[in-house]
PDB file of N, CA and C in Angstrom:
ATOM      1  N   MET A   1      47.643 -92.595-125.431  1.00  0.00           N
ATOM      2  CA  MET A   1      48.136 -91.797-126.528  1.00  0.00           C
ATOM      3  C   MET A   1      49.540 -92.288-126.885  1.00  0.00           C
ATOM      4  N   SER A   2      49.783 -92.466-128.180  1.00  0.00           N
ATOM      5  CA  SER A   2      51.077 -92.994-128.598  1.00  0.00           C
ATOM      6  C   SER A   2      52.114 -91.891-128.700  1.00  0.00           C
ATOM      7  N   THR A   3      53.360 -92.305-128.675  1.00  0.00           N
ATOM      8  CA  THR A   3      54.432 -91.326-128.789  1.00  0.00           C
ATOM      9  C   THR A   3      54.649 -90.961-130.242  1.00  0.00           C
ATOM     10  N   MET A   4      55.166 -89.796-130.476  1.00  0.00           N
ATOM     11  CA  MET A   4      55.381 -89.318-131.830  1.00  0.00           C
ATOM     12  C   MET A   4      56.609 -90.015-132.428  1.00  0.00           C
ATOM     13  N   THR A   5      56.471 -90.500-133.646  1.00  0.00           N
ATOM     14  CA  THR A   5      57.608 -91.134-134.314  1.00  0.00           C
ATOM     15  C   THR A   5      58.371 -90.090-135.104  1.00  0.00           C
ATOM     16  N   GLN A   6      59.637 -90.367-135.335  1.00  0.00           N
ATOM     17  CA  GLN A   6      60.448 -89.411-136.081  1.00  0.00           C
ATOM     18  C   GLN A   6      60.254 -89.602-137.573  1.00  0.00           C
ATOM     19  N   LYS A   7      60.513 -88.541-138.297  1.00  0.00           N
ATOM     20  CA  LYS A   7      60.363 -88.560-139.751  1.00  0.00           C
ATOM     21  C   LYS A   7      61.457 -89.427-140.357  1.00  0.00           C
ATOM     22  N   THR A   8      61.083 -90.234-141.342  1.00  0.00           N
ATOM     23  CA  THR A   8      62.066 -91.043-142.062  1.00  0.00           C
ATOM     24  C   THR A   8      62.671 -90.179-143.164  1.00  0.00           C
ATOM     25  N   HIS A   9      63.974 -90.025-143.117  1.00  0.00           N
ATOM     26  CA  HIS A   9      64.650 -89.174-144.088  1.00  0.00           C
ATOM     27  C   HIS A   9      64.785 -89.883-145.430  1.00  0.00           C
ATOM     28  N   LYS A  10      64.996 -89.084-146.490  1.00  0.00           N
ATOM     29  CA  LYS A  10      65.095 -89.614-147.845  1.00  0.00           C
ATOM     30  C   LYS A  10      66.262 -90.590-147.983  1.00  0.00           C
ATOM     31  N   SER A  11      67.366 -90.267-147.351  1.00  0.00           N
ATOM     32  CA  SER A  11      68.546 -91.136-147.482  1.00  0.00           C
ATOM     33  C   SER A  11      68.302 -92.503-146.847  1.00  0.00           C
ATOM     34  N   ARG A  12      67.594 -92.526-145.737  1.00  0.00           N
ATOM     35  CA  ARG A  12      67.299 -93.802-145.086  1.00  0.00           C
ATOM     36  C   ARG A  12      66.330 -94.627-145.926  1.00  0.00           C
ATOM     37  N   THR A  13      65.338 -93.971-146.512  1.00  0.00           N
ATOM     38  CA  THR A  13      64.367 -94.667-147.363  1.00  0.00           C
ATOM     39  C   THR A  13      65.056 -95.243-148.587  1.00  0.00           C
ATOM     40  N   LYS A  14      65.906 -94.445-149.226  1.00  0.00           N
ATOM     41  CA  LYS A  14      66.578 -94.882-150.446  1.00  0.00           C
ATOM     42  C   LYS A  14      67.584 -95.989-150.175  1.00  0.00           C
ATOM     43  N   SER A  15      68.253 -95.940-149.041  1.00  0.00           N
ATOM     44  CA  SER A  15      69.212 -96.996-148.734  1.00  0.00           C
ATOM     45  C   SER A  15      68.502 -98.312-148.426  1.00  0.00           C
ATOM     46  N   ARG A  16      67.295 -98.234-147.912  1.00  0.00           N
ATOM     47  CA  ARG A  16      66.521 -99.437-147.655  1.00  0.00           C
ATOM     48  C   ARG A  16      66.076-100.082-148.970  1.00  0.00           C
ATOM     49  N   ARG A  17      65.875 -99.269-149.993  1.00  0.00           N
ATOM     50  CA  ARG A  17      65.423 -99.766-151.295  1.00  0.00           C
ATOM     51  C   ARG A  17      66.583 -99.946-152.270  1.00  0.00           C
ATOM     52  N   SER A  18      67.777-100.014-151.796  1.00  0.00           N
ATOM     53  CA  SER A  18      68.942-100.079-152.676  1.00  0.00           C
ATOM     54  C   SER A  18      68.998-101.375-153.483  1.00  0.00           C
ATOM     55  N   HIS A  19      68.394-102.436-153.002  1.00  0.00           N
ATOM     56  CA  HIS A  19      68.415-103.713-153.719  1.00  0.00           C
ATOM     57  C   HIS A  19      67.322-103.809-154.771  1.00  0.00           C
ATOM     58  N   HIS A  20      66.539-102.751-154.975  1.00  0.00           N
ATOM     59  CA  HIS A  20      65.466-102.764-155.972  1.00  0.00           C
ATOM     60  C   HIS A  20      65.963-102.414-157.365  1.00  0.00           C
ATOM     61  N   GLY A  21      67.225-102.049-157.494  1.00  0.00           N
ATOM     62  CA  GLY A  21      67.758-101.636-158.791  1.00  0.00           C
ATOM     63  C   GLY A  21      67.813-102.786-159.787  1.00  0.00           C
ATOM     64  N   LEU A  22      67.756-102.455-161.067  1.00  0.00           N
ATOM     65  CA  LEU A  22      67.788-103.460-162.119  1.00  0.00           C
ATOM     66  C   LEU A  22      69.220-103.866-162.424  1.00  0.00           C
ATOM     67  N   LYS A  23      69.396-105.106-162.809  1.00  0.00           N
ATOM     68  CA  LYS A  23      70.710-105.620-163.172  1.00  0.00           C
ATOM     69  C   LYS A  23      70.716-105.932-164.657  1.00  0.00           C
ATOM     70  N   ALA A  24      71.872-105.807-165.264  1.00  0.00           N
ATOM     71  CA  ALA A  24      71.995-106.097-166.691  1.00  0.00           C
ATOM     72  C   ALA A  24      71.882-107.602-166.920  1.00  0.00           C
ATOM     73  N   LYS A  25      71.255-107.989-168.044  1.00  0.00           N
ATOM     74  CA  LYS A  25      71.124-109.402-168.369  1.00  0.00           C
ATOM     75  C   LYS A  25      72.480-109.959-168.778  1.00  0.00           C
ATOM     76  N   THR A  26      72.736-111.192-168.369  1.00  0.00           N
ATOM     77  CA  THR A  26      73.955-111.848-168.797  1.00  0.00           C
ATOM     78  C   THR A  26      73.697-112.535-170.134  1.00  0.00           C
ATOM     79  N   LEU A  27      74.659-112.455-171.022  1.00  0.00           N
ATOM     80  CA  LEU A  27      74.519-113.045-172.339  1.00  0.00           C
ATOM     81  C   LEU A  27      75.647-114.032-172.572  1.00  0.00           C
ATOM     82  N   ALA A  28      75.325-115.105-173.248  1.00  0.00           N
ATOM     83  CA  ALA A  28      76.312-116.097-173.645  1.00  0.00           C
ATOM     84  C   ALA A  28      76.487-116.025-175.164  1.00  0.00           C
ATOM     85  N   THR A  29      77.513-116.685-175.676  1.00  0.00           N
ATOM     86  CA  THR A  29      77.758-116.699-177.114  1.00  0.00           C
ATOM     87  C   THR A  29      77.456-118.088-177.650  1.00  0.00           C
ATOM     88  N   CYS A  30      76.733-118.138-178.761  1.00  0.00           N
ATOM     89  CA  CYS A  30      76.410-119.408-179.405  1.00  0.00           C
ATOM     90  C   CYS A  30      77.699-120.013-179.976  1.00  0.00           C
ATOM     91  N   GLU A  31      77.868-121.313-179.791  1.00  0.00           N
ATOM     92  CA  GLU A  31      79.081-121.983-180.267  1.00  0.00           C
ATOM     93  C   GLU A  31      79.124-122.084-181.782  1.00  0.00           C
ATOM     94  N   LYS A  32      77.966-122.153-182.417  1.00  0.00           N
ATOM     95  CA  LYS A  32      77.914-122.354-183.874  1.00  0.00           C
ATOM     96  C   LYS A  32      77.949-121.043-184.647  1.00  0.00           C
ATOM     97  N   CYS A  33      77.052-120.122-184.303  1.00  0.00           N
ATOM     98  CA  CYS A  33      76.905-118.908-185.128  1.00  0.00           C
ATOM     99  C   CYS A  33      77.452-117.653-184.458  1.00  0.00           C
ATOM    100  N   GLU A  34      78.005-117.764-183.254  1.00  0.00           N
ATOM    101  CA  GLU A  34      78.615-116.647-182.530  1.00  0.00           C
ATOM    102  C   GLU A  34      77.607-115.537-182.175  1.00  0.00           C
ATOM    103  N   ALA A  35      76.335-115.844-182.149  1.00  0.00           N
ATOM    104  CA  ALA A  35      75.315-114.856-181.789  1.00  0.00           C
ATOM    105  C   ALA A  35      75.206-114.764-180.273  1.00  0.00           C
ATOM    106  N   LYS A  36      74.771-113.615-179.778  1.00  0.00           N
ATOM    107  CA  LYS A  36      74.553-113.421-178.346  1.00  0.00           C
ATOM    108  C   LYS A  36      73.185-113.974-177.978  1.00  0.00           C
ATOM    109  N   ILE A  37      73.156-114.878-176.989  1.00  0.00           N
ATOM    110  CA  ILE A  37      71.912-115.514-176.559  1.00  0.00           C
ATOM    111  C   ILE A  37      71.850-115.505-175.041  1.00  0.00           C
ATOM    112  N   THR A  38      70.647-115.722-174.506  1.00  0.00           N
ATOM    113  CA  THR A  38      70.522-115.872-173.065  1.00  0.00           C
ATOM    114  C   THR A  38      70.996-117.270-172.687  1.00  0.00           C
ATOM    115  N   PRO A  39      71.661-117.432-171.557  1.00  0.00           N
ATOM    116  CA  PRO A  39      72.201-118.735-171.199  1.00  0.00           C
ATOM    117  C   PRO A  39      71.118-119.782-170.952  1.00  0.00           C
ATOM    118  N   HIS A  40      71.450-121.028-171.167  1.00  0.00           N
ATOM    119  CA  HIS A  40      70.586-122.189-170.943  1.00  0.00           C
ATOM    120  C   HIS A  40      69.361-122.202-171.850  1.00  0.00           C
ATOM    121  N   GLN A  41      69.484-121.630-173.040  1.00  0.00           N
ATOM    122  CA  GLN A  41      68.400-121.658-174.010  1.00  0.00           C
ATOM    123  C   GLN A  41      68.977-121.926-175.389  1.00  0.00           C
ATOM    124  N   ALA A  42      68.172-122.502-176.252  1.00  0.00           N
ATOM    125  CA  ALA A  42      68.616-122.773-177.619  1.00  0.00           C
ATOM    126  C   ALA A  42      68.731-121.462-178.380  1.00  0.00           C
ATOM    127  N   CYS A  43      69.662-121.420-179.305  1.00  0.00           N
ATOM    128  CA  CYS A  43      69.890-120.219-180.114  1.00  0.00           C
ATOM    129  C   CYS A  43      68.721-120.045-181.089  1.00  0.00           C
ATOM    130  N   PRO A  44      68.080-118.877-181.103  1.00  0.00           N
ATOM    131  CA  PRO A  44      66.956-118.681-182.019  1.00  0.00           C
ATOM    132  C   PRO A  44      67.379-118.524-183.468  1.00  0.00           C
ATOM    133  N   LYS A  45      68.652-118.255-183.724  1.00  0.00           N
ATOM    134  CA  LYS A  45      69.111-118.054-185.103  1.00  0.00           C
ATOM    135  C   LYS A  45      69.501-119.351-185.786  1.00  0.00           C
ATOM    136  N   CYS A  46      70.206-120.240-185.061  1.00  0.00           N
ATOM    137  CA  CYS A  46      70.653-121.479-185.705  1.00  0.00           C
ATOM    138  C   CYS A  46      70.000-122.730-185.118  1.00  0.00           C
ATOM    139  N   GLY A  47      69.408-122.643-183.924  1.00  0.00           N
ATOM    140  CA  GLY A  47      68.694-123.766-183.338  1.00  0.00           C
ATOM    141  C   GLY A  47      69.572-124.751-182.583  1.00  0.00           C
ATOM    142  N   HIS A  48      70.796-124.382-182.252  1.00  0.00           N
ATOM    143  CA  HIS A  48      71.705-125.280-181.536  1.00  0.00           C
ATOM    144  C   HIS A  48      71.718-124.959-180.045  1.00  0.00           C
ATOM    145  N   TYR A  49      71.939-125.986-179.241  1.00  0.00           N
ATOM    146  CA  TYR A  49      72.116-125.841-177.806  1.00  0.00           C
ATOM    147  C   TYR A  49      73.184-126.822-177.366  1.00  0.00           C
ATOM    148  N   ARG A  50      74.252-126.325-176.795  1.00  0.00           N
ATOM    149  CA  ARG A  50      75.386-127.110-176.324  1.00  0.00           C
ATOM    150  C   ARG A  50      75.948-128.024-177.416  1.00  0.00           C
ATOM    151  N   GLY A  51      76.044-127.500-178.643  1.00  0.00           N
ATOM    152  CA  GLY A  51      76.641-128.240-179.742  1.00  0.00           C
ATOM    153  C   GLY A  51      75.712-129.182-180.470  1.00  0.00           C
ATOM    154  N   ARG A  52      74.465-129.282-180.041  1.00  0.00           N
ATOM    155  CA  ARG A  52      73.509-130.182-180.700  1.00  0.00           C
ATOM    156  C   ARG A  52      72.376-129.368-181.306  1.00  0.00           C
ATOM    157  N   LYS A  53      71.850-129.839-182.434  1.00  0.00           N
ATOM    158  CA  LYS A  53      70.728-129.159-183.086  1.00  0.00           C
ATOM    159  C   LYS A  53      69.441-129.556-182.373  1.00  0.00           C
ATOM    160  N   ILE A  54      68.761-128.578-181.839  1.00  0.00           N
ATOM    161  CA  ILE A  54      67.543-128.813-181.067  1.00  0.00           C
ATOM    162  C   ILE A  54      66.313-128.342-181.841  1.00  0.00           C
ATOM    163  N   LEU A  55      66.387-127.167-182.446  1.00  0.00           N
ATOM    164  CA  LEU A  55      65.248-126.581-183.152  1.00  0.00           C
ATOM    165  C   LEU A  55      65.463-126.637-184.657  1.00  0.00           C
ATOM    166  N   ASP A  56      64.388-126.887-185.391  1.00  0.00           N
ATOM    167  CA  ASP A  56      64.451-126.838-186.845  1.00  0.00           C
ATOM    168  C   ASP A  56      63.998-125.445-187.269  1.00  0.00           C
ATOM    169  N   ILE A  57      64.958-124.610-187.581  1.00  0.00           N
ATOM    170  CA  ILE A  57      64.684-123.209-187.874  1.00  0.00           C
ATOM    171  C   ILE A  57      63.966-123.041-189.211  1.00  0.00           C
ATOM    172  N   THR A  58      64.221-123.913-190.171  1.00  0.00           N
ATOM    173  CA  THR A  58      63.600-123.767-191.482  1.00  0.00           C
ATOM    174  C   THR A  58      62.083-123.891-191.387  1.00  0.00           C
ATOM    175  N   LYS A  59      61.596-124.808-190.566  1.00  0.00           N
ATOM    176  CA  LYS A  59      60.151-124.946-190.372  1.00  0.00           C
ATOM    177  C   LYS A  59      59.569-123.686-189.750  1.00  0.00           C
ATOM    178  N   ARG A  60      60.293-123.119-188.786  1.00  0.00           N
ATOM    179  CA  ARG A  60      59.815-121.921-188.111  1.00  0.00           C
ATOM    180  C   ARG A  60      59.743-120.743-189.082  1.00  0.00           C
ATOM    181  N   VAL A  61      60.744-120.602-189.937  1.00  0.00           N
ATOM    182  CA  VAL A  61      60.756-119.498-190.900  1.00  0.00           C
ATOM    183  C   VAL A  61      59.612-119.649-191.896  1.00  0.00           C
ATOM    184  N   LEU A  62      59.403-120.862-192.387  1.00  0.00           N
ATOM    185  CA  LEU A  62      58.309-121.088-193.328  1.00  0.00           C
ATOM    186  C   LEU A  62      56.952-120.815-192.679  1.00  0.00           C
ATOM    187  N   ARG A  63      56.800-121.204-191.421  1.00  0.00           N
ATOM    188  CA  ARG A  63      55.543-121.007-190.711  1.00  0.00           C
ATOM    189  C   ARG A  63      55.262-119.517-190.518  1.00  0.00           C
ATOM    190  N   THR A  64      56.288-118.734-190.151  1.00  0.00           N
ATOM    191  CA  THR A  64      56.073-117.302-189.952  1.00  0.00           C
ATOM    192  C   THR A  64      55.751-116.603-191.269  1.00  0.00           C
ATOM    193  N   LYS A  65      56.399-117.019-192.357  1.00  0.00           N
ATOM    194  CA  LYS A  65      56.081-116.428-193.660  1.00  0.00           C
ATOM    195  C   LYS A  65      54.643-116.731-194.061  1.00  0.00           C
ATOM    196  N   ARG A  66      54.212-117.962-193.819  1.00  0.00           N
ATOM    197  CA  ARG A  66      52.858-118.374-194.146  1.00  0.00           C
ATOM    198  C   ARG A  66      51.835-117.597-193.306  1.00  0.00           C
ATOM    199  N   ASN A  67      52.131-117.410-192.028  1.00  0.00           N
ATOM    200  CA  ASN A  67      51.223-116.680-191.151  1.00  0.00           C
ATOM    201  C   ASN A  67      51.110-115.211-191.550  1.00  0.00           C
ATOM    202  N   LYS A  68      52.227-114.607-191.929  1.00  0.00           N
ATOM    203  CA  LYS A  68      52.200-113.213-192.346  1.00  0.00           C
ATOM    204  C   LYS A  68      51.399-113.063-193.643  1.00  0.00           C
ATOM    205  N   LYS A  69      51.540-114.034-194.531  1.00  0.00           N
ATOM    206  CA  LYS A  69      50.818-113.983-195.791  1.00  0.00           C
ATOM    207  C   LYS A  69      49.313-114.115-195.556  1.00  0.00           C
ATOM    208  N   ASN A  70      48.917-114.972-194.615  1.00  0.00           N
ATOM    209  CA  ASN A  70      47.500-115.174-194.309  1.00  0.00           C
ATOM    210  C   ASN A  70      46.885-113.958-193.616  1.00  0.00           C
ATOM    211  N   GLN A  71      47.678-113.215-192.861  1.00  0.00           N
ATOM    212  CA  GLN A  71      47.171-112.041-192.156  1.00  0.00           C
ATOM    213  C   GLN A  71      46.896-110.889-193.099  1.00  0.00           C
ATOM    214  N   GLN A  72      47.589-110.822-194.207  1.00  0.00           N
ATOM    215  CA  GLN A  72      47.410-109.718-195.164  1.00  0.00           C
ATOM    216  C   GLN A  72      46.222-109.939-195.985  1.00  0.00           C
TER     217      GLN A  72
END
């Protein structure tokens, strides 16, 4: 027969799970358009990353307009 274990109190349980809390996302500022972006990614508004143009935003805008028109 096993020995009886003691009850785990709420404070002990919660302190064990203290690292489960959510952290706020860090944001960087785009060098070109001053928009808030996630670090290490191209800016979705202007398409620049580290001072260089990576994405062609005009093509993306035209494509989304065309897709929305086709869905209607």
